[in-house]
């Protein structure tokens, strides 16, 4: 076997292993396969000190398999961007919901997340028959829900929503970094890194900081 053939074989074996891994993420989609439209929903940004919480609700065709889709935290930034484009192209419907830092301060992060999730569902062009949720049970929704602990690592559809939400929020924070350059938002995305908390102490909060989150970092 030539070196080129060995490389091709390894590449083929790696892709086969990836498709095998991917198939394990369809347990819930198969369990509820009698539903025509299965939506996955996830959020990004519950923990940061600044910026919004962003949710995504995604309905994928049942026969679509996209290699390397996974919990967005387990995927590199470069690959997330690539997967984002593929998911957007293949999805039957995508809804985005956003709760601002001011709304988070008004009603708390959990309620703001629920509100953004309801917005994402309402923004779908197709009403789903069932929702696969990452861990939570969303109040005020008249669609059957299946909360799945660590769902973004167990369900393909939730993982797709995780990637859409993550890339959407990251791009927002990169833009906000241009307006508020002191805090490193393009890099830290609003999370409490040392650079960020040091900047908070030096410059104080800006308009997009969550006042209910930053008390421990301001002397």
Protein backbone atom coordinates (compact mmCIF):
# COMPACT_ATOMS: atom_id res chain seq x y z
CA UNK A 1 0.00 0.00 0.00
CA UNK A 2 1.38 3.38 -0.96
CA UNK A 3 1.62 6.32 1.43
CA UNK A 4 -1.21 8.03 -0.43
CA UNK A 5 -3.39 4.93 -0.14
CA UNK A 6 -2.66 4.72 3.59
CA UNK A 7 -3.70 8.35 4.05
CA UNK A 8 -6.89 7.77 2.09
CA UNK A 9 -7.68 4.67 4.15
CA UNK A 10 -7.14 6.53 7.44
CA UNK A 11 -9.31 9.38 6.18
CA UNK A 12 -12.06 6.93 5.24
CA UNK A 13 -11.84 5.15 8.60
CA UNK A 14 -11.96 8.45 10.47
CA UNK A 15 -15.07 9.54 8.57
CA UNK A 16 -16.75 6.17 9.15
CA UNK A 17 -16.04 6.51 12.88
CA UNK A 18 -17.49 10.02 12.83
CA UNK A 19 -20.70 8.84 11.15
CA UNK A 20 -20.97 6.06 13.75
CA UNK A 21 -20.60 8.63 16.55
CA UNK A 22 -23.10 10.91 14.86
CA UNK A 23 -25.68 8.13 14.65
CA UNK A 24 -25.62 7.82 18.47
CA UNK A 25 -27.00 11.38 18.58
CA UNK A 26 -30.26 10.31 16.93
CA UNK A 27 -31.68 8.27 19.83
CA UNK A 28 -34.38 10.81 20.67
CA UNK A 29 -35.06 11.76 17.06
CA UNK A 30 -35.72 8.07 16.34
CA UNK A 31 -37.81 7.63 19.49
CA UNK A 32 -40.13 10.41 18.34
CA UNK A 33 -39.92 9.68 14.62
CA UNK A 34 -43.72 9.55 14.37
CA UNK A 35 -43.63 13.35 14.77
CA UNK A 36 -43.30 15.12 11.43
CA UNK A 37 -41.38 18.15 12.68
CA UNK A 38 -38.89 17.68 15.52
CA UNK A 39 -37.29 20.86 16.85
CA UNK A 40 -34.20 21.15 19.01
CA UNK A 41 -33.74 24.20 21.23
CA UNK A 42 -30.73 25.47 23.14
CA UNK A 43 -29.32 28.64 24.66
CA UNK A 44 -25.93 30.29 24.83
CA UNK A 45 -24.86 33.02 27.21
CA UNK A 46 -26.38 32.27 30.60
CA UNK A 47 -23.06 32.73 32.39
CA UNK A 48 -21.37 35.85 30.94
CA UNK A 49 -21.09 39.16 32.75
CA UNK A 50 -22.10 41.10 29.64
CA UNK A 51 -24.24 40.80 26.55
CA UNK A 52 -27.49 38.98 25.77
CA UNK A 53 -28.59 35.40 26.15
CA UNK A 54 -29.29 33.93 22.71
CA UNK A 55 -31.47 30.93 21.94
CA UNK A 56 -31.99 28.96 18.75
CA UNK A 57 -34.74 26.55 17.76
CA UNK A 58 -33.96 24.34 14.76
CA UNK A 59 -35.94 21.85 12.70
CA UNK A 60 -33.78 19.56 10.56
CA UNK A 61 -34.85 17.11 7.83
CA UNK A 62 -34.93 13.60 9.30
CA UNK A 63 -32.55 12.16 6.71
CA UNK A 64 -29.80 14.76 7.11
CA UNK A 65 -26.50 13.83 8.73
CA UNK A 66 -23.82 16.50 9.16
CA UNK A 67 -20.43 15.15 10.27
CA UNK A 68 -18.82 16.80 13.32
CA UNK A 69 -22.04 18.34 14.65
CA UNK A 70 -21.77 18.20 18.43
CA UNK A 71 -22.30 20.30 21.53
CA UNK A 72 -20.97 23.71 20.43
CA UNK A 73 -18.54 23.77 23.38
CA UNK A 74 -16.84 20.66 21.97
CA UNK A 75 -16.35 22.13 18.48
CA UNK A 76 -13.59 24.53 17.48
CA UNK A 77 -14.52 28.06 16.46
CA UNK A 78 -13.44 27.45 12.86
CA UNK A 79 -15.53 24.29 12.59
CA UNK A 80 -18.51 25.94 14.29
CA UNK A 81 -18.51 28.62 11.61
CA UNK A 82 -18.41 25.96 8.89
CA UNK A 83 -21.19 23.93 10.53
CA UNK A 84 -23.28 27.05 11.04
CA UNK A 85 -23.38 27.62 7.27
CA UNK A 86 -24.24 23.98 6.55
CA UNK A 87 -26.99 23.86 9.18
CA UNK A 88 -28.48 27.13 7.86
CA UNK A 89 -28.49 25.64 4.36
CA UNK A 90 -30.01 22.29 5.33
CA UNK A 91 -32.50 23.29 8.05
CA UNK A 92 -36.23 23.29 7.39
CA UNK A 93 -36.66 26.17 9.84
CA UNK A 94 -34.58 28.19 12.31
CA UNK A 95 -35.85 30.59 14.94
CA UNK A 96 -33.67 32.91 17.01
CA UNK A 97 -34.59 34.47 20.35
CA UNK A 98 -32.61 37.13 22.21
CA UNK A 99 -32.95 38.54 25.71
CA UNK A 100 -30.86 41.64 26.34
CA UNK A 101 -28.70 42.26 29.37
CA UNK A 102 -31.31 44.77 30.57
CA UNK A 103 -34.06 42.16 30.33
CA UNK A 104 -31.85 39.70 32.21
CA UNK A 105 -31.45 42.26 35.01
CA UNK A 106 -35.21 42.91 35.04
CA UNK A 107 -36.51 39.35 35.32
CA UNK A 108 -33.38 37.21 36.10
CA UNK A 109 -31.38 35.00 33.78
CA UNK A 110 -33.61 31.92 33.96
CA UNK A 111 -36.81 33.80 33.14
CA UNK A 112 -35.01 35.77 30.42
CA UNK A 113 -33.78 32.49 28.92
CA UNK A 114 -37.32 31.07 28.89
CA UNK A 115 -38.56 34.27 27.26
CA UNK A 116 -35.87 34.06 24.56
CA UNK A 117 -36.70 30.38 23.99
CA UNK A 118 -40.38 31.19 23.48
CA UNK A 119 -39.34 33.91 21.04
CA UNK A 120 -37.17 31.45 19.10
CA UNK A 121 -40.06 28.97 18.87
CA UNK A 122 -42.45 31.69 17.73
CA UNK A 123 -39.94 32.81 15.08
CA UNK A 124 -39.99 29.41 13.37
CA UNK A 125 -41.74 29.35 10.00
CA UNK A 126 -42.93 25.81 10.80
CA UNK A 127 -44.65 24.86 14.05
CA UNK A 128 -42.90 21.79 15.49
CA UNK A 129 -44.78 18.75 16.74
CA UNK A 130 -42.28 18.22 19.54
CA UNK A 131 -39.44 20.10 21.22
CA UNK A 132 -36.22 18.44 22.31
CA UNK A 133 -34.83 20.76 25.00
CA UNK A 134 -31.41 20.97 26.57
CA UNK A 135 -32.33 20.11 30.18
CA UNK A 136 -35.15 22.62 30.75
CA UNK A 137 -38.94 22.51 30.54
CA UNK A 138 -40.05 25.83 29.07
CA UNK A 139 -43.17 27.32 30.68
CA UNK A 140 -45.90 28.85 28.55
CA UNK A 141 -45.39 26.59 25.52
CA UNK A 142 -48.23 24.48 24.09
CA UNK A 143 -45.95 21.99 22.31
CA UNK A 144 -44.90 18.64 23.76
CA UNK A 145 -41.44 18.98 25.33
CA UNK A 146 -38.73 16.44 26.11
CA UNK A 147 -36.08 17.84 28.48
CA UNK A 148 -32.76 16.02 27.96
CA UNK A 149 -29.90 16.43 30.42
CA UNK A 150 -26.79 17.42 28.43
CA UNK A 151 -29.02 17.31 25.39
CA UNK A 152 -26.60 19.30 23.25
CA UNK A 153 -24.24 16.31 23.41
CA UNK A 154 -26.96 13.64 23.05
CA UNK A 155 -29.30 14.99 20.38
CA UNK A 156 -28.29 16.00 16.86
CA UNK A 157 -31.13 18.50 16.63
CA UNK A 158 -30.26 20.19 19.93
CA UNK A 159 -26.59 20.24 18.92
CA UNK A 160 -27.53 22.05 15.70
CA UNK A 161 -29.44 24.61 17.78
CA UNK A 162 -26.44 24.93 20.09
CA UNK A 163 -24.14 25.76 17.17
CA UNK A 164 -26.58 28.27 15.66
CA UNK A 165 -27.03 30.02 19.01
CA UNK A 166 -23.31 30.04 19.79
CA UNK A 167 -22.19 31.46 16.45
CA UNK A 168 -25.01 34.03 16.48
CA UNK A 169 -24.06 35.28 19.94
CA UNK A 170 -20.31 35.21 19.27
CA UNK A 171 -20.78 37.36 16.18
CA UNK A 172 -22.86 39.82 18.21
CA UNK A 173 -20.11 40.08 20.83
CA UNK A 174 -17.45 40.67 18.17
CA UNK A 175 -19.51 43.59 16.89
CA UNK A 176 -20.07 44.92 20.40
CA UNK A 177 -16.31 44.80 20.98
CA UNK A 178 -15.95 47.54 18.36
CA UNK A 179 -18.25 49.78 20.38
CA UNK A 180 -16.80 48.86 23.78
CA UNK A 181 -13.15 47.97 23.08
CA UNK A 182 -11.86 48.08 26.67
CA UNK A 183 -13.23 44.71 27.77
CA UNK A 184 -12.02 42.23 25.14
CA UNK A 185 -15.52 41.09 24.15
CA UNK A 186 -14.31 39.78 20.78
CA UNK A 187 -12.13 37.30 22.62
CA UNK A 188 -13.96 36.57 25.90
CA UNK A 189 -17.53 36.97 24.55
CA UNK A 190 -18.50 38.65 27.81
CA UNK A 191 -17.38 35.84 30.12
CA UNK A 192 -15.49 36.70 33.29
CA UNK A 193 -11.90 36.21 32.20
CA UNK A 194 -9.11 37.91 34.14
CA UNK A 195 -8.70 40.49 31.39
CA UNK A 196 -12.40 41.25 31.52
CA UNK A 197 -12.68 41.54 35.30
CA UNK A 198 -9.49 43.64 35.45
CA UNK A 199 -11.03 45.97 32.85
CA UNK A 200 -14.24 46.13 34.86
CA UNK A 201 -12.31 47.29 37.89
CA UNK A 202 -10.34 49.82 35.87
CA UNK A 203 -13.08 51.26 33.66
CA UNK A 204 -16.29 50.27 35.42
CA UNK A 205 -19.22 48.66 33.60
CA UNK A 206 -20.42 49.65 30.14
CA UNK A 207 -23.98 49.67 28.83
CA UNK A 208 -24.09 45.95 28.04
CA UNK A 209 -22.87 44.67 31.41
CA UNK A 210 -25.41 42.76 33.48
CA UNK A 211 -25.71 44.78 36.66
CA UNK A 212 -27.03 41.80 38.60
CA UNK A 213 -23.95 39.76 37.61
CA UNK A 214 -21.02 42.09 38.21
CA UNK A 215 -21.33 43.12 41.85
CA UNK A 216 -18.59 40.73 43.01
CA UNK A 217 -16.15 42.20 40.50
CA UNK A 218 -16.60 45.87 41.38
CA UNK A 219 -14.97 47.20 44.52
